[in-house]
C-alpha cells in the first residue's frame, strides 16, 4: 500500500509539472504568425527601422537598424513593435528570437506585455550581463523602468543564432515566468499585479534583433483604463 501511494504521488507531481509548463494547451490560441504574409498586424514605434526580411528561404520580422527617433516619456526601451488589436490578460507567448547587434555586455532583446500606453507596461530585458537594469523583468508605471525580478539570472547567452523564448503571465497571482531555450525552467520570474491586461510586443532597448514563429495563447481582455 505504501509503495502504491508513493507511486501515485509521483505520478500526480509529474502530471502537475507537465500542466504547469504546457499552459498553452489550456488557453485558446489568439494569434500566430511566421511572417510569411508580412507584418501588417504589428505597429512599430519607428516604422523605418523594421521590415520583413528573408534568409535561406525563411521570412522573419527584423528590427534591423537603430535610429532612436522614438522618445519614450520615461526611461524605457526605444525599439518596440506591438501586436495590434489583441489585448490579453492571462497569456503564454512563444517565439524565436535572434540578437543581431555586435557583441557587448548589454546586448539585449526585449519582450513587452501588459502594454496599455507608453507609460504603463511590463517588459522583459534579456541582457547578456545582469545588472540592476539588464537581464530583468521591468515595469514602467508613470516613472522610469524599475526591476521587479524575483528570480534573477547572471545573464543571457546571446550569440548569433536563433533561440526559443517563452513568457507565461497569470494575472490572479501576478505570476511572470520567462524561459530561454529550456522550456521547463524559467530564467527569470516576477510577481506583480499592477497591470491586468495589455498588448504584447517585441523589440530591443537600443540594439537590433530578429523575431519569428510567434504564437500567443491567452484570455482576451478589454481596455478599462
N, C-alpha and C. Protein backbone atom coordinates (compact mmCIF):
# COMPACT_ATOMS: atom_id res chain seq x y z
N UNK A 1 0.81 -1.21 0.00
CA UNK A 1 0.00 0.00 0.00
C UNK A 1 0.85 1.26 0.00
N UNK A 2 1.92 1.22 0.83
CA UNK A 2 2.81 2.38 0.90
C UNK A 2 3.47 2.63 -0.43
N UNK A 3 3.92 1.55 -1.09
CA UNK A 3 4.56 1.69 -2.41
C UNK A 3 3.58 2.27 -3.42
N UNK A 4 2.35 1.79 -3.42
CA UNK A 4 1.34 2.29 -4.35
C UNK A 4 1.06 3.77 -4.11
N UNK A 5 1.01 4.15 -2.84
CA UNK A 5 0.75 5.57 -2.52
C UNK A 5 1.88 6.45 -3.00
N UNK A 6 3.12 5.95 -2.83
CA UNK A 6 4.27 6.73 -3.29
C UNK A 6 4.26 6.87 -4.81
N UNK A 7 3.92 5.79 -5.50
CA UNK A 7 3.84 5.82 -6.97
C UNK A 7 2.78 6.80 -7.43
N UNK A 8 1.61 6.76 -6.75
CA UNK A 8 0.52 7.67 -7.11
C UNK A 8 0.93 9.12 -6.89
N UNK A 9 1.62 9.37 -5.80
CA UNK A 9 2.08 10.74 -5.52
C UNK A 9 3.07 11.21 -6.57
N UNK A 10 3.95 10.31 -6.99
CA UNK A 10 4.94 10.67 -8.01
C UNK A 10 4.27 10.99 -9.33
N UNK A 11 3.27 10.17 -9.69
CA UNK A 11 2.54 10.42 -10.94
C UNK A 11 1.80 11.75 -10.88
N UNK A 12 1.18 12.02 -9.72
CA UNK A 12 0.44 13.28 -9.55
C UNK A 12 1.36 14.49 -9.70
N UNK A 13 2.55 14.42 -9.10
CA UNK A 13 3.51 15.51 -9.21
C UNK A 13 3.98 15.68 -10.64
N UNK A 14 4.21 14.58 -11.33
CA UNK A 14 4.66 14.64 -12.72
C UNK A 14 3.61 15.28 -13.61
N UNK A 15 2.33 14.90 -13.39
CA UNK A 15 1.26 15.48 -14.17
C UNK A 15 1.10 16.96 -13.88
N UNK A 16 1.24 17.33 -12.61
CA UNK A 16 1.14 18.75 -12.24
C UNK A 16 2.24 19.55 -12.89
N UNK A 17 3.46 19.00 -12.92
CA UNK A 17 4.58 19.69 -13.57
C UNK A 17 4.34 19.85 -15.05
N UNK A 18 3.78 18.80 -15.66
CA UNK A 18 3.51 18.85 -17.10
C UNK A 18 2.50 19.93 -17.43
N UNK A 19 1.42 20.01 -16.61
CA UNK A 19 0.41 21.03 -16.83
C UNK A 19 1.01 22.42 -16.63
N UNK A 20 1.92 22.54 -15.64
CA UNK A 20 2.49 23.84 -15.31
C UNK A 20 3.24 24.46 -16.47
N UNK A 21 3.89 23.63 -17.29
CA UNK A 21 4.66 24.24 -18.37
C UNK A 21 4.06 24.00 -19.75
N UNK A 22 2.82 23.53 -19.81
CA UNK A 22 2.13 23.42 -21.09
C UNK A 22 0.80 24.15 -21.01
N UNK A 23 0.83 25.29 -20.39
CA UNK A 23 -0.39 26.06 -20.20
C UNK A 23 -1.05 26.48 -21.49
N UNK A 24 -0.26 26.58 -22.59
CA UNK A 24 -0.85 26.97 -23.86
C UNK A 24 -1.95 26.02 -24.30
N UNK A 25 -1.90 24.76 -23.83
CA UNK A 25 -2.91 23.79 -24.20
C UNK A 25 -4.23 24.04 -23.47
N UNK A 26 -4.19 24.88 -22.43
CA UNK A 26 -5.40 25.19 -21.69
C UNK A 26 -5.99 26.53 -22.11
N UNK A 27 -5.26 27.33 -22.83
CA UNK A 27 -5.70 28.65 -23.26
C UNK A 27 -5.94 28.65 -24.76
N UNK A 28 -6.92 29.40 -25.24
CA UNK A 28 -7.17 29.46 -26.68
C UNK A 28 -6.04 30.18 -27.41
N UNK A 29 -5.78 29.75 -28.62
CA UNK A 29 -4.77 30.40 -29.45
C UNK A 29 -5.35 31.72 -29.97
N UNK A 30 -4.73 32.82 -29.60
CA UNK A 30 -5.20 34.14 -30.01
C UNK A 30 -4.56 34.63 -31.30
N UNK A 31 -3.31 34.18 -31.53
CA UNK A 31 -2.59 34.71 -32.69
C UNK A 31 -1.37 33.86 -32.97
N UNK A 32 -1.03 33.71 -34.25
CA UNK A 32 0.23 33.11 -34.64
C UNK A 32 0.65 33.62 -36.00
N UNK A 33 1.96 33.71 -36.21
CA UNK A 33 2.49 34.12 -37.49
C UNK A 33 3.93 33.66 -37.64
N UNK A 34 4.30 33.37 -38.88
CA UNK A 34 5.70 33.13 -39.25
C UNK A 34 6.17 34.23 -40.18
N UNK A 35 5.37 35.30 -40.32
CA UNK A 35 5.67 36.49 -41.12
C UNK A 35 5.78 36.19 -42.61
N UNK A 36 5.23 35.06 -43.05
CA UNK A 36 5.24 34.74 -44.48
C UNK A 36 4.36 35.70 -45.28
N UNK A 37 3.36 36.27 -44.61
CA UNK A 37 2.45 37.19 -45.29
C UNK A 37 2.66 38.64 -44.86
N UNK A 38 3.83 38.92 -44.30
CA UNK A 38 4.14 40.28 -43.91
C UNK A 38 3.93 40.52 -42.42
N UNK A 39 3.96 41.81 -42.05
CA UNK A 39 3.86 42.19 -40.64
C UNK A 39 2.84 43.30 -40.44
N UNK A 40 1.75 43.26 -41.20
CA UNK A 40 0.73 44.30 -41.07
C UNK A 40 0.02 44.26 -39.73
N UNK A 41 0.11 43.14 -39.03
CA UNK A 41 -0.53 43.01 -37.71
C UNK A 41 0.27 43.71 -36.61
N UNK A 42 1.41 44.29 -36.95
CA UNK A 42 2.31 44.85 -35.94
C UNK A 42 2.48 46.35 -36.13
N UNK A 43 2.60 47.05 -35.00
CA UNK A 43 2.75 48.51 -35.03
C UNK A 43 4.06 48.90 -34.34
N UNK A 44 5.08 49.28 -35.12
CA UNK A 44 6.37 49.68 -34.53
C UNK A 44 6.40 51.15 -34.14
N UNK A 45 7.20 51.46 -33.13
CA UNK A 45 7.38 52.86 -32.75
C UNK A 45 8.15 53.63 -33.82
N UNK A 46 8.99 52.94 -34.58
CA UNK A 46 9.77 53.56 -35.65
C UNK A 46 9.66 52.68 -36.90
N UNK A 47 8.78 53.03 -37.80
CA UNK A 47 8.48 52.17 -38.96
C UNK A 47 9.69 51.91 -39.83
N UNK A 48 10.56 52.90 -39.97
CA UNK A 48 11.68 52.74 -40.90
C UNK A 48 12.85 51.97 -40.30
N UNK A 49 12.67 51.38 -39.12
CA UNK A 49 13.72 50.53 -38.56
C UNK A 49 13.31 49.05 -38.52
N UNK A 50 12.10 48.75 -39.04
CA UNK A 50 11.57 47.39 -39.04
C UNK A 50 11.23 46.97 -40.47
N UNK A 51 11.38 45.68 -40.76
CA UNK A 51 10.97 45.13 -42.05
C UNK A 51 10.83 43.62 -41.94
N UNK A 52 10.14 43.03 -42.90
CA UNK A 52 10.14 41.57 -43.03
C UNK A 52 11.32 41.21 -43.93
N UNK A 53 12.25 40.45 -43.38
CA UNK A 53 13.45 40.05 -44.11
C UNK A 53 13.36 38.56 -44.46
N UNK A 54 14.29 38.11 -45.29
CA UNK A 54 14.30 36.70 -45.68
C UNK A 54 15.74 36.21 -45.79
N UNK A 55 15.99 35.01 -45.29
CA UNK A 55 17.30 34.37 -45.39
C UNK A 55 17.11 32.87 -45.48
N UNK A 56 17.76 32.26 -46.43
CA UNK A 56 17.67 30.81 -46.63
C UNK A 56 16.23 30.35 -46.79
N UNK A 57 15.43 31.14 -47.48
CA UNK A 57 14.05 30.78 -47.74
C UNK A 57 13.10 31.01 -46.57
N UNK A 58 13.58 31.59 -45.47
CA UNK A 58 12.76 31.81 -44.29
C UNK A 58 12.53 33.31 -44.07
N UNK A 59 11.28 33.69 -43.90
CA UNK A 59 10.95 35.09 -43.62
C UNK A 59 10.83 35.31 -42.12
N UNK A 60 11.19 36.52 -41.69
CA UNK A 60 11.14 36.86 -40.27
C UNK A 60 11.00 38.37 -40.13
N UNK A 61 10.62 38.80 -38.94
CA UNK A 61 10.43 40.21 -38.64
C UNK A 61 11.72 40.76 -38.05
N UNK A 62 12.26 41.78 -38.68
CA UNK A 62 13.59 42.26 -38.32
C UNK A 62 13.57 43.73 -37.92
N UNK A 63 14.03 43.99 -36.71
CA UNK A 63 14.35 45.36 -36.29
C UNK A 63 15.84 45.51 -36.63
N UNK A 64 16.08 45.98 -37.84
CA UNK A 64 17.38 45.81 -38.48
C UNK A 64 18.35 46.98 -38.31
N UNK A 65 17.84 48.09 -37.77
CA UNK A 65 18.73 49.23 -37.59
C UNK A 65 18.26 50.06 -36.40
N UNK A 66 19.10 50.97 -35.95
CA UNK A 66 18.80 51.82 -34.80
C UNK A 66 18.81 53.28 -35.22
N UNK A 67 17.75 54.01 -34.86
CA UNK A 67 17.72 55.44 -35.15
C UNK A 67 17.38 56.27 -33.92
N UNK A 68 16.69 55.66 -32.96
CA UNK A 68 16.34 56.34 -31.71
C UNK A 68 15.55 57.62 -31.96
N UNK A 69 14.65 57.58 -32.95
CA UNK A 69 13.78 58.74 -33.19
C UNK A 69 12.58 58.73 -32.25
N UNK A 70 12.23 57.56 -31.71
CA UNK A 70 11.16 57.47 -30.72
C UNK A 70 11.71 57.86 -29.35
N UNK A 71 11.05 58.78 -28.71
CA UNK A 71 11.48 59.26 -27.40
C UNK A 71 10.42 58.89 -26.36
N UNK A 72 10.62 57.84 -25.58
CA UNK A 72 9.62 57.46 -24.58
C UNK A 72 9.48 58.51 -23.50
N UNK A 73 8.29 58.61 -22.90
CA UNK A 73 8.07 59.61 -21.85
C UNK A 73 8.97 59.42 -20.63
N UNK A 74 9.30 58.17 -20.32
CA UNK A 74 10.20 57.83 -19.22
C UNK A 74 11.27 56.89 -19.73
N UNK A 75 12.37 56.78 -19.01
CA UNK A 75 13.47 55.92 -19.41
C UNK A 75 12.97 54.49 -19.59
N UNK A 76 12.99 53.99 -20.82
CA UNK A 76 12.47 52.68 -21.18
C UNK A 76 12.92 52.38 -22.62
N UNK A 77 12.64 51.18 -23.13
CA UNK A 77 13.16 50.82 -24.47
C UNK A 77 12.71 51.76 -25.58
N UNK A 78 13.58 51.91 -26.57
CA UNK A 78 13.32 52.77 -27.72
C UNK A 78 12.68 52.02 -28.88
N UNK A 79 12.98 50.74 -29.01
CA UNK A 79 12.53 50.00 -30.20
C UNK A 79 11.46 48.99 -29.81
N UNK A 80 10.21 49.29 -30.16
CA UNK A 80 9.07 48.48 -29.78
C UNK A 80 8.17 48.28 -30.99
N UNK A 81 7.70 47.05 -31.17
CA UNK A 81 6.66 46.79 -32.16
C UNK A 81 5.57 45.96 -31.47
N UNK A 82 4.37 46.51 -31.42
CA UNK A 82 3.27 45.90 -30.69
C UNK A 82 2.33 45.16 -31.63
N UNK A 83 1.82 44.02 -31.16
CA UNK A 83 0.80 43.29 -31.89
C UNK A 83 -0.51 44.08 -31.80
N UNK A 84 -1.07 44.41 -32.95
CA UNK A 84 -2.29 45.21 -33.00
C UNK A 84 -3.52 44.39 -32.60
N UNK A 85 -4.49 45.07 -32.04
CA UNK A 85 -5.86 44.54 -31.90
C UNK A 85 -5.98 43.27 -31.07
N UNK A 86 -4.97 42.92 -30.30
CA UNK A 86 -5.05 41.77 -29.40
C UNK A 86 -4.68 42.23 -28.00
N UNK A 87 -5.64 42.21 -27.10
CA UNK A 87 -5.42 42.58 -25.71
C UNK A 87 -5.67 41.35 -24.86
N UNK A 88 -4.70 40.99 -24.04
CA UNK A 88 -4.80 39.76 -23.26
C UNK A 88 -4.61 40.01 -21.78
N UNK A 89 -5.20 39.15 -20.97
CA UNK A 89 -4.92 39.13 -19.54
C UNK A 89 -3.93 38.00 -19.29
N UNK A 90 -4.40 36.82 -18.89
CA UNK A 90 -3.51 35.65 -18.82
C UNK A 90 -3.05 35.30 -20.23
N UNK A 91 -1.79 34.95 -20.38
CA UNK A 91 -1.32 34.55 -21.70
C UNK A 91 -0.07 33.71 -21.59
N UNK A 92 0.25 33.09 -22.71
CA UNK A 92 1.52 32.41 -22.89
C UNK A 92 2.01 32.78 -24.29
N UNK A 93 3.21 33.30 -24.36
CA UNK A 93 3.81 33.76 -25.61
C UNK A 93 5.05 32.93 -25.91
N UNK A 94 5.11 32.39 -27.12
CA UNK A 94 6.29 31.66 -27.57
C UNK A 94 6.76 32.24 -28.89
N UNK A 95 8.06 32.32 -29.07
CA UNK A 95 8.62 32.81 -30.32
C UNK A 95 10.10 32.46 -30.40
N UNK A 96 10.64 32.64 -31.59
CA UNK A 96 12.09 32.50 -31.78
C UNK A 96 12.68 33.90 -31.92
N UNK A 97 13.85 34.09 -31.31
CA UNK A 97 14.48 35.40 -31.34
C UNK A 97 15.97 35.26 -31.67
N UNK A 98 16.49 36.31 -32.26
CA UNK A 98 17.92 36.32 -32.60
C UNK A 98 18.46 37.74 -32.42
N UNK A 99 19.46 37.86 -31.57
CA UNK A 99 20.14 39.15 -31.42
C UNK A 99 21.08 39.34 -32.60
N UNK A 100 21.06 40.55 -33.18
CA UNK A 100 21.87 40.80 -34.37
C UNK A 100 22.87 41.93 -34.19
N UNK A 101 23.01 42.42 -32.99
CA UNK A 101 23.94 43.50 -32.73
C UNK A 101 25.32 42.91 -32.42
N UNK A 102 26.36 43.69 -32.65
CA UNK A 102 27.71 43.25 -32.28
C UNK A 102 27.78 42.99 -30.79
N UNK A 103 28.53 41.97 -30.41
CA UNK A 103 28.55 41.51 -29.02
C UNK A 103 29.09 42.58 -28.07
N UNK A 104 28.38 42.76 -26.94
CA UNK A 104 28.85 43.62 -25.86
C UNK A 104 28.04 43.27 -24.62
N UNK A 105 28.37 43.85 -23.47
CA UNK A 105 27.79 43.44 -22.21
C UNK A 105 26.30 43.61 -22.09
N UNK A 106 25.75 44.66 -22.68
CA UNK A 106 24.32 44.91 -22.57
C UNK A 106 23.55 44.45 -23.80
N UNK A 107 24.14 43.61 -24.61
CA UNK A 107 23.44 43.04 -25.77
C UNK A 107 22.09 42.50 -25.32
N UNK A 108 20.99 42.93 -25.97
CA UNK A 108 19.69 42.58 -25.42
C UNK A 108 18.63 42.35 -26.49
N UNK A 109 17.59 41.66 -26.06
CA UNK A 109 16.31 41.60 -26.74
C UNK A 109 15.26 41.88 -25.68
N UNK A 110 14.21 42.62 -26.04
CA UNK A 110 13.14 42.94 -25.10
C UNK A 110 11.80 42.40 -25.61
N UNK A 111 11.00 41.90 -24.69
CA UNK A 111 9.64 41.46 -24.99
C UNK A 111 8.69 42.22 -24.07
N UNK A 112 7.57 42.67 -24.63
CA UNK A 112 6.66 43.57 -23.92
C UNK A 112 5.31 42.89 -23.70
N UNK A 113 4.68 43.22 -22.58
CA UNK A 113 3.35 42.69 -22.31
C UNK A 113 2.65 43.59 -21.30
N UNK A 114 1.34 43.40 -21.16
CA UNK A 114 0.58 44.31 -20.30
C UNK A 114 0.70 45.75 -20.77
N UNK A 115 0.96 45.94 -22.06
CA UNK A 115 1.21 47.28 -22.60
C UNK A 115 -0.12 48.00 -22.79
N UNK A 116 -0.32 49.08 -22.01
CA UNK A 116 -1.56 49.86 -22.08
C UNK A 116 -1.37 51.20 -22.78
N UNK A 117 -0.21 51.79 -22.58
CA UNK A 117 0.18 53.01 -23.26
C UNK A 117 1.67 53.20 -22.96
N UNK A 118 2.33 54.22 -23.53
CA UNK A 118 3.78 54.37 -23.36
C UNK A 118 4.25 54.58 -21.92
N UNK A 119 3.32 54.78 -20.98
CA UNK A 119 3.72 54.99 -19.59
C UNK A 119 3.24 53.87 -18.66
N UNK A 120 2.60 52.84 -19.22
CA UNK A 120 2.08 51.73 -18.41
C UNK A 120 2.31 50.42 -19.15
N UNK A 121 3.33 49.67 -18.73
CA UNK A 121 3.58 48.36 -19.34
C UNK A 121 4.68 47.62 -18.59
N UNK A 122 4.78 46.33 -18.88
CA UNK A 122 5.89 45.50 -18.44
C UNK A 122 6.77 45.19 -19.64
N UNK A 123 8.04 44.91 -19.36
CA UNK A 123 8.87 44.31 -20.39
C UNK A 123 9.95 43.43 -19.75
N UNK A 124 10.39 42.48 -20.52
CA UNK A 124 11.48 41.61 -20.11
C UNK A 124 12.73 42.06 -20.85
N UNK A 125 13.76 42.37 -20.12
CA UNK A 125 15.04 42.75 -20.72
C UNK A 125 15.97 41.54 -20.65
N UNK A 126 16.17 40.91 -21.79
CA UNK A 126 17.05 39.74 -21.87
C UNK A 126 18.45 40.20 -22.23
N UNK A 127 19.18 40.66 -21.22
CA UNK A 127 20.50 41.21 -21.42
C UNK A 127 21.60 40.19 -21.21
N UNK A 128 22.71 40.36 -21.90
CA UNK A 128 23.78 39.38 -21.84
C UNK A 128 24.42 39.32 -20.45
N UNK A 129 24.59 40.47 -19.82
CA UNK A 129 25.18 40.52 -18.48
C UNK A 129 24.18 41.21 -17.55
N UNK A 130 23.91 40.60 -16.40
CA UNK A 130 22.91 41.15 -15.49
C UNK A 130 23.46 42.33 -14.69
N UNK A 131 22.61 43.31 -14.49
CA UNK A 131 22.85 44.40 -13.55
C UNK A 131 21.46 44.92 -13.17
N UNK A 132 21.34 45.98 -12.39
CA UNK A 132 20.00 46.42 -11.97
C UNK A 132 19.04 46.74 -13.11
N UNK A 133 19.54 46.99 -14.31
CA UNK A 133 18.68 47.33 -15.43
C UNK A 133 18.79 46.35 -16.60
N UNK A 134 19.59 45.32 -16.45
CA UNK A 134 19.81 44.35 -17.53
C UNK A 134 19.51 42.95 -17.03
N UNK A 135 18.91 42.14 -17.91
CA UNK A 135 18.51 40.77 -17.56
C UNK A 135 17.53 40.82 -16.37
N UNK A 136 16.46 41.57 -16.58
CA UNK A 136 15.47 41.80 -15.53
C UNK A 136 14.06 41.80 -16.11
N UNK A 137 13.08 41.54 -15.24
CA UNK A 137 11.68 41.84 -15.55
C UNK A 137 11.41 43.24 -15.04
N UNK A 138 10.90 44.11 -15.92
CA UNK A 138 10.79 45.53 -15.60
C UNK A 138 9.33 45.99 -15.67
N UNK A 139 9.04 47.05 -14.92
CA UNK A 139 7.75 47.71 -15.02
C UNK A 139 7.98 49.19 -15.30
N UNK A 140 7.16 49.74 -16.18
CA UNK A 140 7.10 51.18 -16.43
C UNK A 140 5.72 51.63 -15.98
N UNK A 141 5.65 52.44 -14.94
CA UNK A 141 4.37 52.86 -14.37
C UNK A 141 4.45 54.35 -14.01
N UNK A 142 4.30 55.17 -15.03
CA UNK A 142 4.41 56.63 -14.88
C UNK A 142 5.74 57.05 -14.27
N UNK A 143 6.76 56.28 -14.55
CA UNK A 143 8.09 56.55 -14.00
C UNK A 143 9.11 55.74 -14.80
N UNK A 144 10.41 56.09 -14.68
CA UNK A 144 11.42 55.28 -15.37
C UNK A 144 11.33 53.81 -14.98
N UNK A 145 11.77 52.95 -15.88
CA UNK A 145 11.64 51.50 -15.67
C UNK A 145 12.27 51.07 -14.35
N UNK A 146 11.64 50.06 -13.75
CA UNK A 146 12.07 49.57 -12.46
C UNK A 146 12.05 48.05 -12.47
N UNK A 147 13.09 47.43 -11.96
CA UNK A 147 13.16 45.97 -11.91
C UNK A 147 12.22 45.42 -10.85
N UNK A 148 11.47 44.37 -11.22
CA UNK A 148 10.59 43.68 -10.27
C UNK A 148 10.93 42.20 -10.22
N UNK A 149 12.11 41.84 -10.67
CA UNK A 149 12.52 40.45 -10.78
C UNK A 149 12.59 39.78 -9.42
N UNK A 150 12.06 38.58 -9.35
CA UNK A 150 12.14 37.77 -8.13
C UNK A 150 13.26 36.75 -8.24
N UNK A 151 13.24 35.93 -9.28
CA UNK A 151 14.35 35.02 -9.58
C UNK A 151 15.19 35.65 -10.66
N UNK A 152 16.47 35.88 -10.38
CA UNK A 152 17.35 36.54 -11.33
C UNK A 152 18.30 35.54 -11.99
N UNK A 153 18.97 35.99 -13.02
CA UNK A 153 19.96 35.18 -13.73
C UNK A 153 21.23 36.01 -13.90
N UNK A 154 22.34 35.34 -14.18
CA UNK A 154 23.61 36.05 -14.38
C UNK A 154 23.66 36.74 -15.73
N UNK A 155 22.82 36.30 -16.65
CA UNK A 155 22.81 36.89 -17.97
C UNK A 155 22.27 35.89 -18.99
N UNK A 156 22.03 36.39 -20.20
CA UNK A 156 21.52 35.57 -21.28
C UNK A 156 22.64 35.32 -22.28
N UNK A 157 22.82 34.08 -22.65
CA UNK A 157 23.95 33.70 -23.51
C UNK A 157 23.74 34.00 -24.97
N UNK A 158 23.65 35.27 -25.30
CA UNK A 158 23.44 35.64 -26.71
C UNK A 158 24.63 35.28 -27.57
N UNK A 159 24.31 34.77 -28.76
CA UNK A 159 25.28 34.58 -29.84
C UNK A 159 24.56 35.04 -31.10
N UNK A 160 24.95 34.55 -32.26
CA UNK A 160 24.30 34.99 -33.49
C UNK A 160 23.27 33.99 -34.00
N UNK A 161 22.83 33.07 -33.14
CA UNK A 161 21.88 32.03 -33.53
C UNK A 161 20.47 32.37 -33.04
N UNK A 162 19.50 31.62 -33.59
CA UNK A 162 18.12 31.73 -33.14
C UNK A 162 17.96 31.01 -31.80
N UNK A 163 17.10 31.57 -30.94
CA UNK A 163 16.81 30.97 -29.64
C UNK A 163 15.31 30.98 -29.38
N UNK A 164 14.85 30.01 -28.59
CA UNK A 164 13.44 29.92 -28.21
C UNK A 164 13.21 30.69 -26.91
N UNK A 165 12.15 31.50 -26.91
CA UNK A 165 11.80 32.27 -25.72
C UNK A 165 10.31 32.06 -25.45
N UNK A 166 9.97 32.04 -24.17
CA UNK A 166 8.59 31.83 -23.75
C UNK A 166 8.31 32.69 -22.52
N UNK A 167 7.14 33.33 -22.50
CA UNK A 167 6.70 34.10 -21.34
C UNK A 167 5.34 33.58 -20.90
N UNK A 168 5.18 33.37 -19.60
CA UNK A 168 3.91 32.96 -19.01
C UNK A 168 3.46 34.07 -18.07
N UNK A 169 2.20 34.48 -18.20
CA UNK A 169 1.63 35.52 -17.35
C UNK A 169 0.29 35.04 -16.79
N UNK A 170 0.17 35.02 -15.46
CA UNK A 170 -1.10 34.71 -14.81
C UNK A 170 -1.45 35.90 -13.91
N UNK A 171 -2.56 36.53 -14.24
CA UNK A 171 -2.92 37.79 -13.59
C UNK A 171 -3.33 37.59 -12.13
N UNK A 172 -4.09 36.54 -11.84
CA UNK A 172 -4.66 36.37 -10.50
C UNK A 172 -3.61 36.36 -9.40
N UNK A 173 -2.51 35.63 -9.63
CA UNK A 173 -1.45 35.59 -8.61
C UNK A 173 -0.24 36.43 -8.99
N UNK A 174 -0.31 37.14 -10.11
CA UNK A 174 0.77 38.02 -10.53
C UNK A 174 1.96 37.34 -11.16
N UNK A 175 1.83 36.06 -11.47
CA UNK A 175 2.97 35.29 -11.97
C UNK A 175 3.49 35.81 -13.30
N UNK A 176 4.81 35.95 -13.39
CA UNK A 176 5.51 36.23 -14.64
C UNK A 176 6.70 35.27 -14.70
N UNK A 177 6.75 34.45 -15.74
CA UNK A 177 7.85 33.50 -15.91
C UNK A 177 8.44 33.67 -17.30
N UNK A 178 9.76 33.68 -17.36
CA UNK A 178 10.47 33.87 -18.63
C UNK A 178 11.40 32.68 -18.85
N UNK A 179 11.29 32.08 -20.03
CA UNK A 179 12.09 30.91 -20.37
C UNK A 179 12.97 31.23 -21.58
N UNK A 180 14.17 30.69 -21.55
CA UNK A 180 15.11 30.90 -22.66
C UNK A 180 15.72 29.55 -23.03
N UNK A 181 15.35 29.01 -24.18
CA UNK A 181 15.78 27.71 -24.70
C UNK A 181 15.25 26.54 -23.86
N UNK A 182 15.50 26.51 -22.58
CA UNK A 182 14.95 25.48 -21.70
C UNK A 182 13.52 25.88 -21.35
N UNK A 183 12.54 25.13 -21.89
CA UNK A 183 11.15 25.50 -21.72
C UNK A 183 10.53 24.97 -20.43
N UNK A 184 11.33 24.33 -19.58
CA UNK A 184 10.81 23.79 -18.33
C UNK A 184 11.21 24.61 -17.10
N UNK A 185 12.35 25.27 -17.17
CA UNK A 185 12.85 26.02 -16.02
C UNK A 185 13.02 27.49 -16.38
N UNK A 186 12.29 28.39 -15.73
CA UNK A 186 12.41 29.81 -16.09
C UNK A 186 13.77 30.39 -15.70
N UNK A 187 14.26 31.30 -16.54
CA UNK A 187 15.50 32.00 -16.21
C UNK A 187 15.22 33.23 -15.36
N UNK A 188 14.01 33.79 -15.50
CA UNK A 188 13.60 34.95 -14.72
C UNK A 188 12.16 34.75 -14.26
N UNK A 189 11.86 35.22 -13.07
CA UNK A 189 10.47 35.23 -12.60
C UNK A 189 10.20 36.55 -11.89
N UNK A 190 8.91 36.85 -11.79
CA UNK A 190 8.48 38.02 -11.02
C UNK A 190 7.04 37.79 -10.59
N UNK A 191 6.59 38.59 -9.64
CA UNK A 191 5.19 38.58 -9.20
C UNK A 191 4.72 40.02 -9.09
N UNK A 192 3.72 40.37 -9.88
CA UNK A 192 3.21 41.74 -9.85
C UNK A 192 1.81 41.75 -10.43
N UNK A 193 0.90 42.51 -9.82
CA UNK A 193 -0.49 42.55 -10.24
C UNK A 193 -0.91 43.92 -10.75
N UNK A 194 0.05 44.80 -11.01
CA UNK A 194 -0.27 46.18 -11.37
C UNK A 194 -1.12 46.26 -12.64
N UNK A 195 -0.69 45.57 -13.69
CA UNK A 195 -1.40 45.63 -14.97
C UNK A 195 -2.03 44.28 -15.25
N UNK A 196 -3.35 44.27 -15.38
CA UNK A 196 -4.09 43.02 -15.56
C UNK A 196 -4.40 42.73 -17.02
N UNK A 197 -4.04 43.63 -17.91
CA UNK A 197 -4.32 43.43 -19.33
C UNK A 197 -3.36 44.29 -20.15
N UNK A 198 -3.30 44.00 -21.45
CA UNK A 198 -2.49 44.83 -22.34
C UNK A 198 -2.06 44.09 -23.59
N UNK A 199 -1.35 44.81 -24.44
CA UNK A 199 -0.80 44.24 -25.67
C UNK A 199 0.53 43.56 -25.38
N UNK A 200 0.94 42.71 -26.32
CA UNK A 200 2.28 42.13 -26.29
C UNK A 200 3.08 42.73 -27.43
N UNK A 201 4.41 42.68 -27.30
CA UNK A 201 5.25 43.25 -28.33
C UNK A 201 6.67 42.71 -28.28
N UNK A 202 7.44 43.09 -29.28
CA UNK A 202 8.84 42.65 -29.40
C UNK A 202 9.71 43.87 -29.67
N UNK A 203 11.02 43.71 -29.44
CA UNK A 203 11.93 44.80 -29.74
C UNK A 203 13.25 44.67 -29.00
N UNK A 204 13.91 45.79 -28.81
CA UNK A 204 15.16 45.86 -28.05
C UNK A 204 15.18 47.18 -27.30
N UNK A 205 16.10 47.30 -26.36
CA UNK A 205 16.23 48.59 -25.69
C UNK A 205 16.83 49.60 -26.65
N UNK A 206 18.04 49.32 -27.13
CA UNK A 206 18.64 50.18 -28.15
C UNK A 206 19.59 49.37 -29.04
N UNK A 207 19.23 48.10 -29.31
CA UNK A 207 20.03 47.22 -30.16
C UNK A 207 19.27 46.87 -31.43
N UNK A 208 19.56 45.71 -32.01
CA UNK A 208 18.83 45.19 -33.16
C UNK A 208 18.58 43.70 -32.93
N UNK A 209 17.49 43.18 -33.56
CA UNK A 209 17.14 41.77 -33.35
C UNK A 209 16.14 41.32 -34.40
N UNK A 210 16.00 39.99 -34.53
CA UNK A 210 15.03 39.37 -35.42
C UNK A 210 14.06 38.52 -34.61
N UNK A 211 12.83 38.36 -35.15
CA UNK A 211 11.78 37.62 -34.46
C UNK A 211 11.02 36.76 -35.46
N UNK A 212 10.61 35.56 -35.03
CA UNK A 212 9.93 34.65 -35.93
C UNK A 212 9.06 33.67 -35.14
N UNK A 213 8.15 33.02 -35.85
CA UNK A 213 7.32 31.93 -35.30
C UNK A 213 6.66 32.32 -33.99
N UNK A 214 5.88 33.39 -34.04
CA UNK A 214 5.21 33.91 -32.86
C UNK A 214 3.89 33.17 -32.65
N UNK A 215 3.67 32.71 -31.43
CA UNK A 215 2.39 32.10 -31.04
C UNK A 215 1.96 32.69 -29.71
N UNK A 216 0.70 33.10 -29.65
CA UNK A 216 0.16 33.69 -28.43
C UNK A 216 -1.13 32.98 -28.05
N UNK A 217 -1.11 32.33 -26.89
CA UNK A 217 -2.32 31.76 -26.30
C UNK A 217 -2.75 32.68 -25.17
N UNK A 218 -4.05 32.82 -24.93
CA UNK A 218 -4.43 33.67 -23.82
C UNK A 218 -5.91 33.91 -23.70
N UNK A 219 -6.25 34.75 -22.72
CA UNK A 219 -7.61 35.19 -22.49
C UNK A 219 -7.75 36.61 -23.00
N UNK A 220 -8.72 36.84 -23.85
CA UNK A 220 -8.94 38.18 -24.36
C UNK A 220 -9.44 39.10 -23.24
N UNK A 221 -9.01 40.34 -23.32
CA UNK A 221 -9.43 41.32 -22.32
C UNK A 221 -9.84 42.60 -23.05
N UNK A 222 -10.47 43.50 -22.31
CA UNK A 222 -10.89 44.78 -22.83
C UNK A 222 -10.15 45.89 -22.12
N UNK A 223 -9.89 46.97 -22.83
CA UNK A 223 -9.30 48.13 -22.20
C UNK A 223 -10.27 48.70 -21.17
N UNK A 224 -9.76 48.98 -19.98
CA UNK A 224 -10.65 49.54 -18.96
C UNK A 224 -10.02 50.70 -18.21
N UNK A 225 -8.92 51.22 -18.75
CA UNK A 225 -8.32 52.39 -18.11
C UNK A 225 -9.11 53.64 -18.49
